[in-house]
């Protein structure tokens, strides 16, 4: 479980300022993302800190559950897919019980089980929820050896507003040393590309535990964004000029390896989307709810590429 994410974020803030991009310039202003104006494909990524933030004298578990469920409501965000990190089995069960009548499917993956001090002895792990039936599921075990717990990530194949898509809830290793995390990221990116090459769009949402300028993130960002990027994906918050690095601002580019902070002053939470299939990424990070988590909730949105749409109707 997480122990030193604040150090990662601090390092990220120092490194991030060095990152620039090489894509064509644009005069677009910072994005404004609301439930009415956002692109029609909606995602929510949230590390709910379900065990570490479990003190009933401070944290409100029912509020945590209600907040996740509310993300699917049309008058809140209308999320099609939700990716959760650090989830107790009981929390997953409670959320799914509320989302199933709304047409959602879920997949839970335990990373720790049977510890009396963790989730009151029940399973602890990861969860993904998608609107519509699950066509197929798999668990990506990215454990390299040496992690303090398995790095297992649930993935669901479903129809995202009509198009078959693989969607995974991601939590990469939280160690100060990037070695294991970078290896996990390389393996995850390779699997995403294999799905893309098979003609299937991919969504990766979760807590990646390193900033946008890191080697980890280079496995996902497209090469045009610089800094050694070698990936095939766009990130939902890469178009928000309010959080561009100085290098990106001076270059007047339209996309940047950056984004609003999600934990301890740095960005470590992401929603990555296959660049071959998605376009018009937008994002918003909500203020931290200290009754729920030590992370901020990330909302992302996009359109299908070549759809001709920049906004769309909300999911019910």
Protein backbone atom coordinates (compact mmCIF):
# COMPACT_ATOMS: atom_id res chain seq x y z
CA UNK A 1 0.00 0.00 0.00
CA UNK A 2 1.03 3.59 -0.46
CA UNK A 3 3.70 4.93 1.85
CA UNK A 4 5.61 7.75 0.10
CA UNK A 5 3.43 9.27 -2.62
CA UNK A 6 4.14 12.77 -1.32
CA UNK A 7 7.82 12.32 -2.21
CA UNK A 8 6.88 11.23 -5.73
CA UNK A 9 4.70 14.28 -6.16
CA UNK A 10 7.43 16.62 -4.94
CA UNK A 11 9.92 15.12 -7.37
CA UNK A 12 7.34 15.38 -10.10
CA UNK A 13 6.77 19.09 -9.56
CA UNK A 14 10.49 19.74 -9.97
CA UNK A 15 10.87 17.60 -13.07
CA UNK A 16 7.63 18.65 -14.75
CA UNK A 17 8.84 22.15 -15.50
CA UNK A 18 11.47 20.71 -17.85
CA UNK A 19 8.96 19.00 -20.15
CA UNK A 20 7.95 20.47 -23.51
CA UNK A 21 6.08 19.17 -26.51
CA UNK A 22 6.61 19.28 -30.26
CA UNK A 23 3.10 19.30 -31.69
CA UNK A 24 1.49 22.09 -33.67
CA UNK A 25 0.67 25.31 -31.79
CA UNK A 26 -2.86 26.38 -30.99
CA UNK A 27 -4.53 29.47 -29.59
CA UNK A 28 -7.05 27.40 -27.59
CA UNK A 29 -7.69 28.67 -24.08
CA UNK A 30 -7.81 26.54 -20.95
CA UNK A 31 -10.63 24.06 -21.00
CA UNK A 32 -13.84 24.52 -19.06
CA UNK A 33 -15.41 21.19 -18.21
CA UNK A 34 -18.99 20.91 -16.99
CA UNK A 35 -21.56 18.15 -17.14
CA UNK A 36 -23.31 20.05 -19.94
CA UNK A 37 -20.36 21.07 -22.13
CA UNK A 38 -17.96 18.13 -21.73
CA UNK A 39 -17.49 15.63 -24.57
CA UNK A 40 -19.96 12.76 -24.49
CA UNK A 41 -17.70 9.90 -23.35
CA UNK A 42 -17.31 10.27 -19.58
CA UNK A 43 -14.85 8.71 -17.13
CA UNK A 44 -14.11 9.02 -13.41
CA UNK A 45 -10.86 7.96 -11.74
CA UNK A 46 -10.62 8.02 -7.95
CA UNK A 47 -8.29 6.52 -5.37
CA UNK A 48 -10.86 6.27 -2.58
CA UNK A 49 -8.31 5.38 0.11
CA UNK A 50 -10.75 2.76 1.33
CA UNK A 51 -8.51 1.20 3.94
CA UNK A 52 -5.81 3.73 4.84
CA UNK A 53 -8.45 6.44 5.20
CA UNK A 54 -10.72 4.25 7.30
CA UNK A 55 -10.79 5.94 10.70
CA UNK A 56 -14.54 6.32 11.44
CA UNK A 57 -13.77 9.32 13.64
CA UNK A 58 -12.60 11.24 10.59
CA UNK A 59 -13.63 9.48 7.36
CA UNK A 60 -17.21 8.95 6.24
CA UNK A 61 -17.54 5.62 4.43
CA UNK A 62 -21.14 6.16 3.36
CA UNK A 63 -20.17 9.51 1.91
CA UNK A 64 -17.38 7.76 -0.01
CA UNK A 65 -19.83 5.25 -1.50
CA UNK A 66 -22.46 7.88 -2.30
CA UNK A 67 -19.90 10.12 -4.00
CA UNK A 68 -18.77 7.36 -6.35
CA UNK A 69 -22.33 6.36 -7.21
CA UNK A 70 -23.31 9.99 -7.85
CA UNK A 71 -20.70 10.23 -10.63
CA UNK A 72 -23.00 8.15 -12.84
CA UNK A 73 -25.98 10.50 -12.46
CA UNK A 74 -26.76 12.77 -15.41
CA UNK A 75 -27.15 15.79 -13.16
CA UNK A 76 -23.69 15.24 -11.63
CA UNK A 77 -21.32 13.89 -14.31
CA UNK A 78 -22.92 11.01 -16.20
CA UNK A 79 -19.88 8.74 -16.06
CA UNK A 80 -19.86 5.78 -18.45
CA UNK A 81 -16.94 4.17 -16.63
CA UNK A 82 -15.43 4.47 -13.15
CA UNK A 83 -11.96 3.36 -12.04
CA UNK A 84 -11.27 2.97 -8.31
CA UNK A 85 -8.06 2.28 -6.41
CA UNK A 86 -7.65 1.13 -2.79
CA UNK A 87 -11.07 -0.42 -2.39
CA UNK A 88 -12.35 -2.73 0.35
CA UNK A 89 -14.57 -5.56 -0.84
CA UNK A 90 -17.48 -4.24 1.23
CA UNK A 91 -17.19 -0.85 -0.48
CA UNK A 92 -17.20 -2.46 -3.91
CA UNK A 93 -20.25 -4.55 -3.02
CA UNK A 94 -22.13 -1.48 -1.75
CA UNK A 95 -21.31 0.56 -4.87
CA UNK A 96 -22.21 -2.26 -7.26
CA UNK A 97 -25.53 -2.80 -5.47
CA UNK A 98 -26.43 0.80 -6.31
CA UNK A 99 -25.00 0.82 -9.84
CA UNK A 100 -26.32 -2.54 -11.08
CA UNK A 101 -29.94 -1.28 -11.28
CA UNK A 102 -28.61 1.57 -13.44
CA UNK A 103 -27.21 -0.93 -15.93
CA UNK A 104 -23.57 -1.04 -14.74
CA UNK A 105 -21.29 -4.07 -14.51
CA UNK A 106 -18.30 -4.30 -12.20
CA UNK A 107 -15.12 -6.27 -11.60
CA UNK A 108 -13.23 -6.47 -8.32
CA UNK A 109 -9.65 -7.69 -7.92
CA UNK A 110 -8.22 -8.41 -4.47
CA UNK A 111 -4.57 -7.58 -3.91
CA UNK A 112 -4.53 -8.37 -0.17
CA UNK A 113 -6.78 -10.71 1.81
CA UNK A 114 -7.12 -12.00 5.34
CA UNK A 115 -5.28 -9.26 7.25
CA UNK A 116 -7.21 -8.21 10.40
CA UNK A 117 -5.92 -4.63 10.19
CA UNK A 118 -6.79 -4.21 6.49
CA UNK A 119 -10.44 -3.62 5.51
CA UNK A 120 -11.48 -5.27 8.81
CA UNK A 121 -10.14 -8.58 7.59
CA UNK A 122 -11.86 -8.57 4.21
CA UNK A 123 -10.37 -8.19 0.73
CA UNK A 124 -8.55 -5.02 -0.33
CA UNK A 125 -7.89 -4.17 -3.93
CA UNK A 126 -9.11 -2.56 -7.14
CA UNK A 127 -12.44 -2.03 -8.90
CA UNK A 128 -13.75 -1.07 -12.33
CA UNK A 129 -17.33 -0.26 -13.33
CA UNK A 130 -18.68 0.10 -16.87
CA UNK A 131 -22.11 1.00 -18.15
CA UNK A 132 -23.63 -2.01 -19.89
CA UNK A 133 -22.86 -5.73 -19.75
CA UNK A 134 -19.33 -7.07 -19.41
CA UNK A 135 -18.47 -8.95 -22.59
CA UNK A 136 -15.22 -10.31 -21.17
CA UNK A 137 -13.03 -9.69 -18.13
CA UNK A 138 -9.39 -10.18 -17.29
CA UNK A 139 -6.97 -9.25 -14.53
CA UNK A 140 -3.61 -7.83 -15.56
CA UNK A 141 -1.05 -9.02 -13.03
CA UNK A 142 1.81 -6.57 -13.51
CA UNK A 143 3.76 -7.71 -10.44
CA UNK A 144 7.48 -7.71 -11.23
CA UNK A 145 8.71 -9.22 -7.98
CA UNK A 146 9.83 -7.12 -5.04
CA UNK A 147 6.57 -5.17 -4.57
CA UNK A 148 5.06 -5.23 -1.09
CA UNK A 149 1.77 -6.45 -2.54
CA UNK A 150 0.63 -7.77 -5.93
CA UNK A 151 -0.05 -5.22 -8.67
CA UNK A 152 -3.28 -6.61 -10.09
CA UNK A 153 -5.58 -4.53 -12.27
CA UNK A 154 -9.16 -5.43 -13.29
CA UNK A 155 -10.13 -4.95 -16.95
CA UNK A 156 -13.56 -5.17 -18.56
CA UNK A 157 -14.38 -5.51 -22.23
CA UNK A 158 -17.70 -3.76 -22.90
CA UNK A 159 -19.48 -1.43 -25.29
CA UNK A 160 -18.64 2.19 -24.53
CA UNK A 161 -21.58 4.02 -26.03
CA UNK A 162 -21.82 1.34 -28.71
CA UNK A 163 -18.16 0.59 -29.40
CA UNK A 164 -16.33 -2.42 -27.96
CA UNK A 165 -13.59 -1.19 -25.62
CA UNK A 166 -11.16 -2.60 -23.08
CA UNK A 167 -11.19 -0.55 -19.86
CA UNK A 168 -8.84 -1.12 -16.91
CA UNK A 169 -8.56 0.25 -13.38
CA UNK A 170 -4.86 0.85 -12.70
CA UNK A 171 -2.73 1.16 -9.59
CA UNK A 172 1.02 1.09 -10.18
CA UNK A 173 3.62 0.63 -7.44
CA UNK A 174 4.10 3.44 -4.95
CA UNK A 175 7.76 2.93 -4.03
CA UNK A 176 10.12 5.91 -4.15
CA UNK A 177 12.29 3.90 -6.51
CA UNK A 178 10.77 3.95 -10.01
CA UNK A 179 12.31 0.68 -11.17
CA UNK A 180 9.39 -1.65 -10.50
CA UNK A 181 6.77 0.92 -11.44
CA UNK A 182 8.47 1.63 -14.77
CA UNK A 183 8.57 -2.09 -15.57
CA UNK A 184 4.87 -2.40 -14.70
CA UNK A 185 4.08 0.56 -16.93
CA UNK A 186 6.05 -0.91 -19.83
CA UNK A 187 4.10 -4.17 -19.56
CA UNK A 188 0.77 -2.35 -19.24
CA UNK A 189 1.48 -0.16 -22.27
CA UNK A 190 2.42 -3.23 -24.31
CA UNK A 191 -0.90 -4.89 -23.47
CA UNK A 192 -2.82 -1.73 -24.33
CA UNK A 193 -1.06 -1.53 -27.69
CA UNK A 194 -1.85 -5.18 -28.40
CA UNK A 195 -5.55 -4.47 -27.87
CA UNK A 196 -5.31 -1.33 -30.02
CA UNK A 197 -3.56 -3.24 -32.80
CA UNK A 198 -6.43 -5.73 -32.68
CA UNK A 199 -8.81 -2.86 -33.38
CA UNK A 200 -10.08 -2.32 -29.85
CA UNK A 201 -9.94 1.09 -28.11
CA UNK A 202 -8.41 1.12 -24.61
CA UNK A 203 -9.10 3.20 -21.49
CA UNK A 204 -6.69 3.12 -18.53
CA UNK A 205 -7.81 5.01 -15.45
CA UNK A 206 -6.28 5.13 -12.01
CA UNK A 207 -3.42 6.00 -9.69
CA UNK A 208 -0.15 5.66 -11.62
CA UNK A 209 1.96 7.02 -8.75
CA UNK A 210 4.32 9.19 -10.82
CA UNK A 211 4.09 12.63 -12.48
CA UNK A 212 3.58 13.35 -16.19
CA UNK A 213 7.29 13.99 -16.82
CA UNK A 214 8.32 10.60 -15.43
CA UNK A 215 9.67 7.62 -17.34
CA UNK A 216 6.53 5.77 -16.27
CA UNK A 217 4.30 8.25 -18.10
CA UNK A 218 6.51 8.12 -21.20
CA UNK A 219 5.17 4.66 -21.92
CA UNK A 220 1.69 6.13 -22.46
CA UNK A 221 2.02 9.68 -23.86
CA UNK A 222 2.46 10.01 -27.62
CA UNK A 223 6.00 10.75 -28.92
CA UNK A 224 4.99 14.22 -30.12
CA UNK A 225 4.66 15.33 -26.51
CA UNK A 226 8.42 15.03 -26.02
CA UNK A 227 10.44 14.05 -22.98
CA UNK A 228 11.11 10.59 -24.35
CA UNK A 229 7.42 9.73 -24.77
CA UNK A 230 6.88 6.53 -26.74
CA UNK A 231 3.23 5.67 -26.15
CA UNK A 232 0.01 5.51 -28.12
CA UNK A 233 -2.37 7.34 -25.82
CA UNK A 234 -3.78 10.74 -24.95
CA UNK A 235 -4.45 11.82 -21.38
CA UNK A 236 -7.66 13.60 -20.48
CA UNK A 237 -5.96 16.59 -18.82
CA UNK A 238 -3.24 17.24 -21.39
CA UNK A 239 -5.18 20.10 -23.05
CA UNK A 240 -5.76 22.31 -20.00
CA UNK A 241 -3.52 25.36 -20.40
CA UNK A 242 -4.17 26.40 -16.81
CA UNK A 243 -1.74 23.64 -15.80
CA UNK A 244 0.73 23.65 -18.69
CA UNK A 245 4.42 23.71 -17.84
CA UNK A 246 6.32 26.95 -18.56
CA UNK A 247 7.96 25.22 -21.53
CA UNK A 248 4.58 24.33 -23.03
CA UNK A 249 3.21 27.83 -22.47
CA UNK A 250 6.19 29.48 -24.14
CA UNK A 251 5.95 27.08 -27.08
CA UNK A 252 2.22 27.86 -27.49
CA UNK A 253 1.37 24.19 -28.01
CA UNK A 254 -2.11 22.72 -27.61
CA UNK A 255 -1.17 19.59 -25.63
CA UNK A 256 1.29 19.10 -22.79
CA UNK A 257 2.54 16.45 -20.40
CA UNK A 258 0.88 18.18 -17.47
CA UNK A 259 -2.40 18.44 -15.62
CA UNK A 260 -4.03 19.56 -12.41
CA UNK A 261 -2.61 18.11 -9.21
CA UNK A 262 -4.46 15.16 -7.70
CA UNK A 263 -2.38 14.37 -4.59
CA UNK A 264 0.08 16.36 -2.48
CA UNK A 265 0.48 19.10 -5.07
CA UNK A 266 1.27 16.82 -8.01
CA UNK A 267 -0.54 14.87 -10.70
CA UNK A 268 -0.35 11.10 -10.22
CA UNK A 269 -3.91 10.14 -11.23
CA UNK A 270 -4.74 9.71 -14.92
CA UNK A 271 -7.22 8.58 -17.53
CA UNK A 272 -5.33 7.50 -20.66
CA UNK A 273 -7.23 6.87 -23.92
CA UNK A 274 -6.10 5.29 -27.18
CA UNK A 275 -5.10 8.18 -29.45
CA UNK A 276 -6.04 6.13 -32.49
CA UNK A 277 -9.68 6.06 -31.39
CA UNK A 278 -10.34 9.01 -29.05
CA UNK A 279 -10.16 12.79 -29.51
CA UNK A 280 -11.01 16.10 -27.78
CA UNK A 281 -9.83 15.14 -24.29
CA UNK A 282 -10.97 17.30 -21.40
CA UNK A 283 -10.66 16.92 -17.65
CA UNK A 284 -11.47 18.42 -14.31
CA UNK A 285 -10.16 17.64 -10.83
CA UNK A 286 -12.52 18.21 -7.93
CA UNK A 287 -11.39 19.75 -4.64
CA UNK A 288 -10.16 17.14 -2.20
CA UNK A 289 -12.88 15.75 0.04
CA UNK A 290 -10.96 15.04 3.24
CA UNK A 291 -13.89 13.02 4.59
CA UNK A 292 -13.40 10.53 1.77
CA UNK A 293 -9.79 10.30 0.60
CA UNK A 294 -6.30 11.78 0.44
CA UNK A 295 -6.65 11.96 -3.37
CA UNK A 296 -8.78 14.24 -5.52
CA UNK A 297 -11.41 12.84 -7.86
CA UNK A 298 -10.48 13.10 -11.56
CA UNK A 299 -13.16 13.47 -14.21
CA UNK A 300 -12.26 12.94 -17.85
CA UNK A 301 -14.15 13.19 -21.12
CA UNK A 302 -13.52 12.69 -24.83
CA UNK A 303 -15.20 11.94 -28.14
CA UNK A 304 -14.69 9.12 -30.58
CA UNK A 305 -12.19 10.17 -33.18
CA UNK A 306 -13.76 11.37 -36.45
CA UNK A 307 -17.19 11.42 -34.78
CA UNK A 308 -17.63 15.11 -35.61
CA UNK A 309 -18.79 15.79 -32.06
CA UNK A 310 -17.15 17.81 -29.32
CA UNK A 311 -19.96 17.50 -26.77
CA UNK A 312 -22.83 15.11 -26.42
CA UNK A 313 -25.87 14.01 -24.47
CA UNK A 314 -25.38 12.81 -20.94
CA UNK A 315 -25.71 9.22 -19.92
CA UNK A 316 -28.69 8.60 -17.67
